Amino acid sequence: MHLLSNISHKDSFMEAKPFNCEVCDQAFAYSATLVKHRCVHTGEKPFKCEVCDKAFAQSSGLIYHRRIHTGEKPFTCEVCDKGFAHSSGLMYHRRIHTGEKPFKCEVCDKGFAQSSGLMYHRRIHTGERPFKCEVCDKGFAQSSGLMYHRRIHTGEKPFKCEVCEKAFSHSSHFRRHQRMHTGEKLFKCVLCDKAFTNSSSLLNHQHIHTGDKPFKCEVCNKNFARLLTLVNHQRIHTGEKPFKCEVCNQAFTQPSALLQHQHIHTGEKPFTCEVCDKSFSQLWNLHTHQRVHTGEKPFTCEVCDKSFSQLPNLRTHQRVHTGEKPFRCEDCDKAFTRSADLLRHQRIHTGEKPFKCELCDQAFTLPSTLLQHQRVHTGEKPFKCEVCNKGFAQLSGLVYHRRIHMRETVEA
């Protein structure tokens, strides 16, 4: 009876919440919790980090922060052994494996693993961007987006690779970069077992299986699998080029395009093929190149089943079926399926011959024509007759020559 009385007393005490905040009137069951809460209003941060002097309102915040310096990650995933500094980080991470998305958007029914993900997502529908840059007035849906953006203006790159000394403004970019050196691929597709170094690449890949394109451009109604791709696409309509090269002042719509451009000035080619040692300035160029060795052709035409190693090649091929010729000559109105074909054609009108022979100064409109011409100087005859082993500088010469053997066969 005495025990029941104690429990009853404790319950009534909890319900009562006798400690009220004088500023916002929020009630608390314990005086200690009220003391912690007051720091929200006063801005007081009595708990300081001994390493970097960062301050916190609560001791628990300092405990979690210290793990940044110590590298301690006491919470480990039972599936993939990944470690986390916070138990909440492990809880959210587990949802990658389980696929659980308990937080649903009321507008489009999209699910999220974290409540914060849903909160940020809602701003897509509302258009709310509460975090503004003081320099250029650009707005962001998330405070972290503003923090990273500020580094464009300051040039700050606090995350440095110990292997190649490359610096990054984002910790996520830094971690992704480190996987280049380690070869680690943590993120696996459950449908085809393909592995990726980062979760965004896995998410993009999964759209191949689902065909899902939830993000729509309001100007041209084009759909996209990723929000970032939609944001980048919208700059085609707005003409916005927020990413500027500090060397030559050229501006770009995407940060990746700026990064790629900067390699022109630095000459840097950090991505090397393990098979043939060829180097590339971009990781995706290396991935595309590796298909030369593997023979992989992941992009298949739905009409004729022809496969391609690159997505742009598939898109160009599809125009064979659709008849689409989006590249039009302004001089004669002739249309082409590829921009490269239009560029070649325009040289008929301009008379431009950009490909010069280093030996005799003769110029040509096409690199292939220059290559054929150079065989006059080198004597190279790469096209051999299978019957008599006679060599030819050009394929057309071999084709004509074969007719001699065909006539001999008929006469015999």
Protein backbone atom coordinates (compact mmCIF):
# COMPACT_ATOMS: atom_id res chain seq x y z
CA MET A 1 0.00 0.00 0.00
CA HIS A 2 2.86 2.33 0.93
CA LEU A 3 4.57 1.57 -2.45
CA LEU A 4 1.35 2.34 -4.37
CA SER A 5 1.06 5.59 -2.47
CA ASN A 6 4.62 6.58 -3.49
CA ILE A 7 3.94 5.75 -7.17
CA SER A 8 0.69 7.73 -7.06
CA HIS A 9 2.51 10.69 -5.50
CA LYS A 10 5.24 10.56 -8.18
CA ASP A 11 2.65 10.46 -11.01
CA SER A 12 0.75 13.44 -9.63
CA PHE A 13 4.06 15.33 -9.25
CA MET A 14 4.99 14.61 -12.92
CA GLU A 15 1.58 15.72 -14.13
CA ALA A 16 1.72 18.89 -12.03
CA LYS A 17 5.01 20.25 -13.56
CA PRO A 18 5.33 22.87 -10.82
CA PHE A 19 8.40 24.72 -12.24
CA ASN A 20 7.41 27.44 -14.73
CA CYS A 21 9.68 29.46 -17.04
CA GLU A 22 9.18 33.19 -16.34
CA VAL A 23 9.87 34.11 -20.02
CA CYS A 24 7.78 31.66 -22.08
CA ASP A 25 5.62 30.02 -19.40
CA GLN A 26 6.76 26.50 -20.34
CA ALA A 27 6.36 24.09 -17.39
CA PHE A 28 8.81 21.47 -16.12
CA ALA A 29 8.63 18.62 -13.61
CA TYR A 30 12.11 19.29 -12.23
CA SER A 31 13.87 22.50 -11.20
CA ALA A 32 17.12 21.25 -12.85
CA THR A 33 15.33 20.98 -16.22
CA LEU A 34 14.05 24.54 -15.83
CA VAL A 35 17.60 25.77 -15.12
CA LYS A 36 18.80 24.12 -18.37
CA HIS A 37 15.86 25.56 -20.28
CA ARG A 38 16.58 29.15 -19.14
CA CYS A 39 19.82 29.03 -21.15
CA VAL A 40 17.68 29.15 -24.32
CA HIS A 41 16.53 32.66 -23.34
CA THR A 42 19.72 33.95 -21.72
CA GLY A 43 22.08 32.55 -24.36
CA GLU A 44 24.29 31.33 -21.53
CA LYS A 45 26.66 28.47 -22.48
CA PRO A 46 28.51 27.43 -19.34
CA PHE A 47 30.04 24.18 -20.71
CA LYS A 48 33.22 24.85 -22.71
CA CYS A 49 35.34 22.51 -24.86
CA GLU A 50 38.95 22.38 -23.64
CA VAL A 51 40.26 21.79 -27.19
CA CYS A 52 38.51 24.40 -29.37
CA ASP A 53 36.77 26.65 -26.82
CA LYS A 54 33.30 26.00 -28.28
CA ALA A 55 30.58 26.47 -25.65
CA PHE A 56 27.34 24.62 -24.95
CA ALA A 57 24.18 25.30 -22.95
CA GLN A 58 24.06 21.73 -21.65
CA SER A 59 26.70 19.24 -20.50
CA SER A 60 25.33 16.57 -22.85
CA GLY A 61 26.07 18.86 -25.81
CA LEU A 62 29.70 19.14 -24.69
CA ILE A 63 29.97 15.34 -24.24
CA TYR A 64 28.79 14.75 -27.83
CA HIS A 65 31.01 17.54 -29.17
CA ARG A 66 34.18 16.11 -27.56
CA ARG A 67 33.78 13.02 -29.75
CA ILE A 68 34.63 15.19 -32.80
CA HIS A 69 38.12 15.65 -31.33
CA THR A 70 38.56 12.14 -29.91
CA GLY A 71 37.00 10.37 -32.89
CA GLU A 72 35.05 8.21 -30.46
CA LYS A 73 32.04 6.48 -32.03
CA PRO A 74 30.57 4.20 -29.36
CA PHE A 75 27.35 3.34 -31.20
CA THR A 76 27.91 0.68 -33.92
CA CYS A 77 25.54 -0.58 -36.63
CA GLU A 78 24.94 -4.33 -36.36
CA VAL A 79 24.57 -4.64 -40.17
CA CYS A 80 27.56 -2.76 -41.63
CA ASP A 81 29.71 -1.96 -38.54
CA LYS A 82 29.55 1.80 -39.17
CA GLY A 83 30.16 3.80 -35.97
CA PHE A 84 28.32 6.88 -34.66
CA ALA A 85 29.04 9.47 -31.98
CA HIS A 86 25.32 9.72 -31.06
CA SER A 87 22.74 7.01 -30.45
CA SER A 88 20.32 9.09 -32.55
CA GLY A 89 22.75 8.92 -35.49
CA LEU A 90 22.72 5.12 -35.27
CA MET A 91 18.91 5.09 -35.05
CA TYR A 92 18.58 7.18 -38.23
CA HIS A 93 21.28 5.14 -39.99
CA ARG A 94 19.48 1.83 -39.30
CA ARG A 95 16.64 3.09 -41.49
CA ILE A 96 18.97 2.90 -44.51
CA HIS A 97 19.02 -0.89 -44.03
CA THR A 98 15.36 -1.31 -43.02
CA GLY A 99 14.01 1.22 -45.52
CA GLU A 100 11.77 2.63 -42.78
CA LYS A 101 10.46 6.16 -43.51
CA PRO A 102 7.99 7.00 -40.73
CA PHE A 103 7.63 10.73 -41.49
CA LYS A 104 5.21 11.41 -44.40
CA CYS A 105 4.61 14.62 -46.36
CA GLU A 106 0.92 15.62 -46.28
CA VAL A 107 1.16 17.18 -49.79
CA CYS A 108 2.93 14.52 -51.92
CA ASP A 109 3.03 11.51 -49.54
CA LYS A 110 6.83 11.27 -49.76
CA GLY A 111 8.37 9.46 -46.76
CA PHE A 112 11.46 10.40 -44.74
CA ALA A 113 13.65 8.56 -42.26
CA GLN A 114 14.04 11.70 -40.10
CA SER A 115 11.56 14.36 -38.97
CA SER A 116 14.09 17.05 -39.97
CA GLY A 117 14.08 15.63 -43.52
CA LEU A 118 10.30 16.11 -43.67
CA MET A 119 10.57 19.64 -42.26
CA TYR A 120 13.11 20.65 -44.93
CA HIS A 121 11.10 18.88 -47.65
CA ARG A 122 7.95 20.85 -46.78
CA ARG A 123 9.80 24.00 -47.82
CA ILE A 124 9.84 22.67 -51.42
CA HIS A 125 6.05 23.03 -51.40
CA THR A 126 5.94 26.30 -49.45
CA GLY A 127 8.99 27.87 -51.14
CA GLU A 128 10.17 29.04 -47.72
CA ARG A 129 13.89 29.93 -47.51
CA PRO A 130 14.40 31.49 -44.08
CA PHE A 131 18.22 31.51 -44.06
CA LYS A 132 19.68 34.45 -46.06
CA CYS A 133 23.26 35.15 -47.13
CA GLU A 134 24.43 38.56 -45.87
CA VAL A 135 26.71 39.01 -48.94
CA CYS A 136 24.48 38.12 -51.93
CA ASP A 137 21.03 37.81 -50.30
CA LYS A 138 20.58 34.24 -51.56
CA GLY A 139 18.05 32.28 -49.49
CA PHE A 140 18.30 28.70 -48.21
CA ALA A 141 15.82 26.23 -46.81
CA GLN A 142 18.39 24.91 -44.32
CA SER A 143 20.90 26.68 -42.06
CA SER A 144 23.57 24.18 -43.15
CA GLY A 145 23.00 25.24 -46.78
CA LEU A 146 23.72 28.86 -45.82
CA MET A 147 26.82 27.82 -43.84
CA TYR A 148 28.27 25.92 -46.82
CA HIS A 149 27.30 28.73 -49.22
CA ARG A 150 29.18 31.34 -47.14
CA ARG A 151 32.38 29.43 -47.89
CA ILE A 152 31.97 30.37 -51.59
CA HIS A 153 32.51 33.99 -50.50
CA THR A 154 35.18 33.31 -47.88
CA GLY A 155 37.02 30.55 -49.81
CA GLU A 156 37.26 28.57 -46.58
CA LYS A 157 38.06 24.85 -46.99
CA PRO A 158 38.48 23.43 -43.48
CA PHE A 159 38.55 19.72 -44.38
CA LYS A 160 41.95 18.51 -45.64
CA CYS A 161 42.85 15.07 -47.03
CA GLU A 162 45.94 13.61 -45.35
CA VAL A 163 46.76 11.48 -48.42
CA CYS A 164 46.75 14.06 -51.24
CA GLU A 165 46.30 17.32 -49.24
CA LYS A 166 43.21 18.32 -51.23
CA ALA A 167 40.92 20.62 -49.21
CA PHE A 168 37.12 20.73 -49.08
CA SER A 169 34.50 23.19 -47.86
CA HIS A 170 32.00 20.37 -46.98
CA SER A 171 32.71 17.50 -44.60
CA SER A 172 30.50 15.24 -46.76
CA HIS A 173 32.62 16.02 -49.85
CA PHE A 174 35.73 15.29 -47.80
CA ARG A 175 34.40 11.88 -46.63
CA ARG A 176 33.34 11.01 -50.19
CA HIS A 177 36.81 11.97 -51.45
CA GLN A 178 38.50 9.74 -48.86
CA ARG A 179 36.68 6.73 -50.31
CA MET A 180 38.61 7.30 -53.57
CA HIS A 181 41.77 6.40 -51.70
CA THR A 182 40.24 3.55 -49.67
CA GLY A 183 38.00 2.15 -52.45
CA GLU A 184 35.26 1.70 -49.83
CA LYS A 185 31.70 1.36 -51.18
CA LEU A 186 29.26 1.33 -48.27
CA PHE A 187 26.01 1.79 -50.14
CA LYS A 188 24.59 -1.28 -51.94
CA CYS A 189 21.59 -1.58 -54.24
CA VAL A 190 19.28 -4.32 -52.95
CA LEU A 191 17.99 -5.04 -56.48
CA CYS A 192 21.22 -5.53 -58.46
CA ASP A 193 23.93 -5.62 -55.74
CA LYS A 194 25.81 -2.69 -57.30
CA ALA A 195 27.79 -0.73 -54.67
CA PHE A 196 28.48 3.01 -54.36
CA THR A 197 30.79 5.26 -52.36
CA ASN A 198 27.98 7.63 -51.33
CA SER A 199 24.26 7.41 -50.55
CA SER A 200 23.25 10.01 -53.17
CA SER A 201 24.78 7.88 -55.95
CA LEU A 202 22.82 4.88 -54.67
CA LEU A 203 19.61 6.95 -54.59
CA ASN A 204 20.20 8.15 -58.16
CA HIS A 205 20.93 4.59 -59.28
CA GLN A 206 17.71 3.26 -57.73
CA HIS A 207 15.68 5.51 -60.04
CA ILE A 208 16.90 3.27 -62.92
CA HIS A 209 14.88 0.45 -61.34
CA THR A 210 11.87 2.52 -60.21
CA GLY A 211 11.75 5.11 -62.99
CA ASP A 212 10.62 7.58 -60.31
CA LYS A 213 10.98 11.31 -61.21
CA PRO A 214 9.19 13.23 -58.46
CA PHE A 215 10.61 16.74 -59.14
CA LYS A 216 8.90 18.79 -61.89
CA CYS A 217 10.03 22.01 -63.60
CA GLU A 218 7.16 24.52 -63.56
CA VAL A 219 8.43 26.26 -66.73
CA CYS A 220 8.83 23.33 -69.16
CA ASN A 221 7.15 20.46 -67.22
CA LYS A 222 10.30 18.31 -67.41
CA ASN A 223 10.59 15.75 -64.58
CA PHE A 224 13.70 14.87 -62.59
CA ALA A 225 14.71 12.09 -60.24
CA ARG A 226 16.59 14.46 -57.91
CA LEU A 227 15.80 17.88 -56.47
CA LEU A 228 19.38 19.04 -57.11
CA THR A 229 19.04 18.17 -60.81
CA LEU A 230 15.82 20.22 -60.95
CA VAL A 231 17.54 23.20 -59.25
CA ASN A 232 20.43 22.99 -61.75
CA HIS A 233 17.97 22.64 -64.65
CA GLN A 234 15.99 25.74 -63.58
CA ARG A 235 19.09 27.85 -64.21
CA ILE A 236 18.63 27.15 -67.94
CA HIS A 237 15.42 29.21 -67.70
CA THR A 238 16.71 31.88 -65.29
CA GLY A 239 20.20 32.20 -66.82
CA GLU A 240 21.65 32.28 -63.30
CA LYS A 241 25.37 31.39 -63.06
CA PRO A 242 26.30 31.71 -59.38
CA PHE A 243 29.62 29.83 -59.48
CA LYS A 244 32.56 32.00 -60.67
CA CYS A 245 36.15 31.06 -61.51
CA GLU A 246 38.57 33.24 -59.50
CA VAL A 247 41.25 32.97 -62.21
CA CYS A 248 39.37 33.98 -65.40
CA ASN A 249 36.00 35.15 -64.01
CA GLN A 250 34.02 32.65 -66.13
CA ALA A 251 30.69 31.79 -64.49
CA PHE A 252 28.85 28.45 -64.30
CA THR A 253 25.39 27.20 -63.39
CA GLN A 254 26.73 24.27 -61.34
CA PRO A 255 29.60 23.94 -58.83
CA SER A 256 30.70 20.69 -60.52
CA ALA A 257 31.12 22.58 -63.83
CA LEU A 258 33.27 25.19 -62.05
CA LEU A 259 35.37 22.44 -60.44
CA GLN A 260 35.86 20.77 -63.82
CA HIS A 261 36.79 24.12 -65.41
CA GLN A 262 39.39 24.87 -62.71
CA HIS A 263 41.38 21.82 -63.83
CA ILE A 264 42.12 23.78 -67.05
CA HIS A 265 44.12 26.24 -64.94
CA THR A 266 45.68 23.71 -62.56
CA GLY A 267 46.19 20.85 -65.07
CA GLU A 268 45.26 18.49 -62.25
CA LYS A 269 44.11 14.97 -63.18
CA PRO A 270 43.66 13.17 -59.85
CA PHE A 271 41.67 10.16 -61.10
CA THR A 272 43.80 7.38 -62.64
CA CYS A 273 42.68 4.19 -64.40
CA GLU A 274 44.19 1.11 -62.74
CA VAL A 275 44.21 -0.81 -66.05
CA CYS A 276 45.95 1.60 -68.46
CA ASP A 277 47.18 4.43 -66.14
CA LYS A 278 45.24 7.09 -68.08
CA SER A 279 44.39 10.06 -65.84
CA PHE A 280 41.24 12.20 -65.69
CA SER A 281 40.27 15.50 -64.11
CA GLN A 282 36.81 14.19 -63.12
CA LEU A 283 35.78 10.98 -61.33
CA TRP A 284 32.80 10.43 -63.66
CA ASN A 285 35.18 10.63 -66.66
CA LEU A 286 37.19 7.80 -65.10
CA HIS A 287 34.03 5.72 -64.48
CA THR A 288 32.97 6.24 -68.11
CA HIS A 289 36.47 5.35 -69.35
CA GLN A 290 36.58 2.14 -67.29
CA ARG A 291 33.70 0.80 -69.40
CA VAL A 292 36.20 0.61 -72.31
CA HIS A 293 37.97 -2.13 -70.34
CA THR A 294 34.93 -3.81 -68.77
CA GLY A 295 32.72 -3.62 -71.87
CA GLU A 296 29.83 -2.52 -69.61
CA LYS A 297 26.94 -0.83 -71.44
CA PRO A 298 24.33 0.00 -68.79
CA PHE A 299 22.14 2.31 -70.90
CA THR A 300 19.71 0.38 -73.13
CA CYS A 301 17.33 1.71 -75.81
CA GLU A 302 13.74 0.68 -75.06
CA VAL A 303 12.85 0.59 -78.77
CA CYS A 304 15.61 -1.57 -80.30
CA ASP A 305 17.51 -2.91 -77.23
CA LYS A 306 20.81 -1.40 -78.39
CA SER A 307 23.10 -0.67 -75.41
CA PHE A 308 25.51 2.19 -74.73
CA SER A 309 28.29 2.88 -72.24
CA GLN A 310 27.20 6.51 -71.78
CA LEU A 311 23.78 8.09 -71.20
CA PRO A 312 24.36 10.99 -73.69
CA ASN A 313 25.06 8.40 -76.44
CA LEU A 314 21.74 6.69 -75.67
CA ARG A 315 19.89 10.03 -75.83
CA THR A 316 21.51 10.83 -79.19
CA HIS A 317 20.64 7.35 -80.48
CA GLN A 318 16.98 7.70 -79.43
CA ARG A 319 16.65 10.54 -81.94
CA VAL A 320 17.02 7.91 -84.68
CA HIS A 321 13.62 6.56 -83.54
CA THR A 322 11.96 9.90 -82.73
CA GLY A 323 13.34 11.76 -85.75
CA GLU A 324 14.17 14.70 -83.48
CA LYS A 325 16.85 17.09 -84.82
CA PRO A 326 17.22 19.83 -82.22
CA PHE A 327 20.42 21.42 -83.59
CA ARG A 328 19.63 23.79 -86.50
CA CYS A 329 21.99 25.73 -88.76
CA GLU A 330 21.18 29.46 -88.74
CA ASP A 331 22.57 29.91 -92.29
CA CYS A 332 20.73 27.21 -94.27
CA ASP A 333 18.16 25.85 -91.75
CA LYS A 334 19.53 22.31 -92.03
CA ALA A 335 18.91 20.33 -88.79
CA PHE A 336 21.04 17.71 -87.00
CA THR A 337 20.57 15.16 -84.24
CA ARG A 338 23.93 16.02 -82.62
CA SER A 339 25.58 19.35 -81.75
CA ALA A 340 28.93 17.98 -83.03
CA ASP A 341 27.38 17.37 -86.48
CA LEU A 342 26.06 20.94 -86.55
CA LEU A 343 29.50 22.28 -85.57
CA ARG A 344 31.12 20.34 -88.44
CA HIS A 345 28.45 21.50 -90.88
CA GLN A 346 28.88 25.18 -89.96
CA ARG A 347 32.48 25.02 -91.22
CA ILE A 348 31.03 24.73 -94.75
CA HIS A 349 29.63 28.25 -94.29
CA THR A 350 32.55 29.74 -92.34
CA GLY A 351 35.33 28.02 -94.31
CA GLU A 352 37.06 27.29 -90.99
CA LYS A 353 39.74 24.56 -91.09
CA PRO A 354 40.99 24.20 -87.52
CA PHE A 355 42.97 20.94 -87.97
CA LYS A 356 46.46 21.64 -89.38
CA CYS A 357 49.15 19.25 -90.58
CA GLU A 358 52.41 19.98 -88.71
CA LEU A 359 54.52 18.81 -91.66
CA CYS A 360 53.03 20.65 -94.66
CA ASP A 361 50.65 23.21 -93.09
CA GLN A 362 47.65 21.87 -95.02
CA ALA A 363 44.42 22.47 -93.05
CA PHE A 364 41.24 20.39 -92.73
CA THR A 365 37.71 20.82 -91.39
CA LEU A 366 37.66 17.39 -89.69
CA PRO A 367 40.21 15.63 -87.44
CA SER A 368 39.55 12.34 -89.28
CA THR A 369 40.53 13.97 -92.60
CA LEU A 370 43.76 15.26 -91.04
CA LEU A 371 44.51 11.74 -89.77
CA GLN A 372 44.05 10.29 -93.27
CA HIS A 373 46.27 13.03 -94.74
CA GLN A 374 49.09 12.40 -92.24
CA ARG A 375 49.45 8.88 -93.66
CA VAL A 376 50.81 10.50 -96.84
CA HIS A 377 53.80 11.63 -94.75
CA THR A 378 54.13 8.56 -92.49
CA GLY A 379 53.45 5.93 -95.17
CA GLU A 380 51.18 4.13 -92.71
CA LYS A 381 48.70 1.71 -94.32
CA PRO A 382 46.56 0.28 -91.53
CA PHE A 383 43.85 -1.29 -93.75
CA LYS A 384 45.01 -4.73 -94.96
CA CYS A 385 43.45 -7.00 -97.59
CA GLU A 386 42.59 -10.40 -96.11
CA VAL A 387 43.31 -12.14 -99.45
CA CYS A 388 46.66 -10.71 -100.62
CA ASN A 389 47.81 -8.70 -97.58
CA LYS A 390 48.11 -5.46 -99.59
CA GLY A 391 47.89 -2.36 -97.34
CA PHE A 392 45.95 0.89 -97.81
CA ALA A 393 46.07 4.30 -96.14
CA GLN A 394 42.27 4.64 -96.28
CA LEU A 395 39.38 2.24 -95.75
CA SER A 396 37.80 3.32 -99.07
CA GLY A 397 40.96 2.16 -100.91
CA LEU A 398 40.62 -1.30 -99.36
CA VAL A 399 36.90 -1.46 -100.30
CA TYR A 400 37.69 -0.70 -103.98
CA HIS A 401 40.60 -3.16 -103.96
CA ARG A 402 38.42 -6.03 -102.69
CA ARG A 403 36.39 -5.81 -105.92
CA ILE A 404 39.42 -7.09 -107.86
CA HIS A 405 39.27 -10.34 -105.88
CA MET A 406 35.50 -10.51 -106.24
CA ARG A 407 35.81 -10.25 -110.06
CA GLU A 408 38.54 -12.88 -110.07
CA THR A 409 36.24 -15.23 -108.14
CA VAL A 410 33.33 -14.63 -110.54
CA GLU A 411 35.54 -15.13 -113.68
CA ALA A 412 37.01 -18.32 -112.23
